[in-house]
Structures are given as C-alpha cells and as structure tokens.
C-alpha atoms as a PDB file:
ATOM      1  CA  MET A   1     -12.001 -48.958   8.458  1.00  0.00           C
ATOM      2  CA  SER A   2     -11.214 -45.384   7.172  1.00  0.00           C
ATOM      3  CA  GLY A   3      -8.595 -44.192   5.644  1.00  0.00           C
ATOM      4  CA  GLY A   4      -6.206 -43.629   8.991  1.00  0.00           C
ATOM      5  CA  GLN A   5      -3.600 -45.251  10.637  1.00  0.00           C
ATOM      6  CA  PRO A   6      -4.847 -48.967  11.920  1.00  0.00           C
ATOM      7  CA  TYR A   7      -4.193 -50.133  15.430  1.00  0.00           C
ATOM      8  CA  TRP A   8      -3.959 -53.582  16.811  1.00  0.00           C
ATOM      9  CA  TYR A   9      -4.351 -55.278  20.160  1.00  0.00           C
ATOM     10  CA  ASN A  10      -1.546 -57.400  21.878  1.00  0.00           C
ATOM     11  CA  LEU A  11      -3.333 -60.069  23.802  1.00  0.00           C
ATOM     12  CA  THR A  12       0.031 -60.892  25.501  1.00  0.00           C
ATOM     13  CA  THR A  13       1.153 -57.444  26.794  1.00  0.00           C
ATOM     14  CA  GLN A  14      -2.643 -56.290  26.875  1.00  0.00           C
ATOM     15  CA  SER A  15      -1.700 -52.765  25.126  1.00  0.00           C
ATOM     16  CA  VAL A  16      -2.946 -51.244  21.973  1.00  0.00           C
ATOM     17  CA  LEU A  17      -0.151 -50.836  19.232  1.00  0.00           C
ATOM     18  CA  ARG A  18       0.034 -48.531  15.805  1.00  0.00           C
ATOM     19  CA  ALA A  19       0.448 -49.885  12.646  1.00  0.00           C
ATOM     20  CA  ASP A  20       4.093 -48.888  12.527  1.00  0.00           C
ATOM     21  CA  GLN A  21       4.544 -51.270  15.351  1.00  0.00           C
ATOM     22  CA  ARG A  22       5.064 -54.805  13.631  1.00  0.00           C
ATOM     23  CA  PRO A  23       1.832 -56.957  14.817  1.00  0.00           C
ATOM     24  CA  SER A  24       3.197 -60.118  16.030  1.00  0.00           C
ATOM     25  CA  GLU A  25       1.179 -63.408  16.478  1.00  0.00           C
ATOM     26  CA  ASP A  26      -0.142 -62.320  19.542  1.00  0.00           C
ATOM     27  CA  THR A  27      -2.117 -59.621  18.076  1.00  0.00           C
ATOM     28  CA  ILE A  28      -5.252 -58.848  16.622  1.00  0.00           C
ATOM     29  CA  GLY A  29      -6.590 -56.467  14.260  1.00  0.00           C
ATOM     30  CA  PRO A  30      -6.327 -54.389  12.403  1.00  0.00           C
ATOM     31  CA  PHE A  31      -8.866 -51.708  14.208  1.00  0.00           C
ATOM     32  CA  GLY A  32      -9.492 -48.304  12.911  1.00  0.00           C
ATOM     33  CA  SER A  33      -9.040 -46.461  16.207  1.00  0.00           C
ATOM     34  CA  ALA A  34      -7.082 -46.963  19.235  1.00  0.00           C
ATOM     35  CA  ALA A  35     -10.371 -47.019  21.024  1.00  0.00           C
ATOM     36  CA  GLU A  36     -11.877 -49.684  18.970  1.00  0.00           C
ATOM     37  CA  ALA A  37      -8.565 -51.984  19.614  1.00  0.00           C
ATOM     38  CA  GLU A  38      -8.695 -51.539  23.132  1.00  0.00           C
ATOM     39  CA  GLU A  39     -12.346 -52.664  23.129  1.00  0.00           C
ATOM     40  CA  SER A  40     -11.669 -55.648  21.272  1.00  0.00           C
ATOM     41  CA  PRO A  41     -10.858 -58.131  23.965  1.00  0.00           C
ATOM     42  CA  ALA A  42     -14.537 -57.678  25.812  1.00  0.00           C
ATOM     43  CA  VAL A  43     -15.986 -57.859  22.132  1.00  0.00           C
ATOM     44  CA  LEU A  44     -14.427 -60.917  21.155  1.00  0.00           C
ATOM     45  CA  VAL A  45     -15.890 -62.585  24.599  1.00  0.00           C
ATOM     46  CA  GLU A  46     -19.273 -61.274  23.792  1.00  0.00           C
ATOM     47  CA  TYR A  47     -18.931 -62.842  20.319  1.00  0.00           C
ATOM     48  CA  ALA A  48     -17.691 -66.314  21.728  1.00  0.00           C
ATOM     49  CA  ARG A  49     -20.513 -66.178  24.266  1.00  0.00           C
ATOM     50  CA  ALA A  50     -22.849 -66.035  21.654  1.00  0.00           C
ATOM     51  CA  TRP A  51     -21.356 -68.551  19.405  1.00  0.00           C
ATOM     52  CA  LEU A  52     -21.188 -71.052  22.138  1.00  0.00           C
ATOM     53  CA  GLU A  53     -25.199 -70.474  22.727  1.00  0.00           C
ATOM     54  CA  SER A  54     -25.623 -71.021  19.097  1.00  0.00           C
ATOM     55  CA  GLU A  55     -26.703 -74.122  17.202  1.00  0.00           C
ATOM     56  CA  GLU A  56     -23.542 -73.897  15.195  1.00  0.00           C
ATOM     57  CA  SER A  57     -21.564 -74.619  18.183  1.00  0.00           C
ATOM     58  CA  GLU A  58     -23.143 -77.805  19.146  1.00  0.00           C
ATOM     59  CA  PRO A  59     -20.525 -80.291  17.153  1.00  0.00           C
ATOM     60  CA  PHE A  60     -17.927 -78.442  18.945  1.00  0.00           C
ATOM     61  CA  ARG A  61     -19.395 -78.958  22.172  1.00  0.00           C
ATOM     62  CA  ALA A  62     -19.710 -82.761  21.959  1.00  0.00           C
ATOM     63  CA  LEU A  63     -16.087 -83.124  20.828  1.00  0.00           C
ATOM     64  CA  ALA A  64     -15.111 -80.748  23.767  1.00  0.00           C
ATOM     65  CA  GLU A  65     -17.343 -83.077  26.279  1.00  0.00           C
ATOM     66  CA  GLY A  66     -15.755 -86.388  24.740  1.00  0.00           C
ATOM     67  CA  ASP A  67     -19.353 -87.064  23.349  1.00  0.00           C
ATOM     68  CA  ASP A  68     -17.765 -88.392  20.032  1.00  0.00           C
ATOM     69  CA  GLY A  69     -16.706 -91.632  21.682  1.00  0.00           C
ATOM     70  CA  THR A  70     -13.135 -90.744  21.729  1.00  0.00           C
ATOM     71  CA  ASP A  71     -11.034 -89.996  24.790  1.00  0.00           C
ATOM     72  CA  PRO A  72     -10.428 -86.198  24.841  1.00  0.00           C
ATOM     73  CA  ALA A  73      -7.335 -86.840  26.657  1.00  0.00           C
END
C-alpha cells in the first residue's frame, strides 16, 4: 500500500469506506485504492476456490464432510 489513504470494504453494506470512517468487524482491508477495495470480494472468492482445490484444504474438507468419525451436526 502506498502512502495514500487506505480504504476498506464493508461486506454487509457492500460499500467502500475511507480510512477516516471507522472499520467495523464487517470490513476487510486495508486497501491502497477505492478500486482495489471494490474488487476485493471477487478476489477473495478466487483465493478461496484456489485453496479449496489445493492439497492444503484436504483435512478441512474431510471435517466439513464429517469423514473424521464425528457427527457434523
């Protein structure tokens, strides 16, 4: 992030916030520009999909599917 004012993305309101607006627990960031903050949900989905397809997620997929011998409910 360059020395400019950081931006945040509010996941609840789906809006970009400036740094002078207090980020809440519903925000992600900081981002270096408003455009970067605006694109952040799509980037997060892309990263999540890549992670789910990786070997690193294997133990977590087994837990989510209940394959660890426990009842997921």
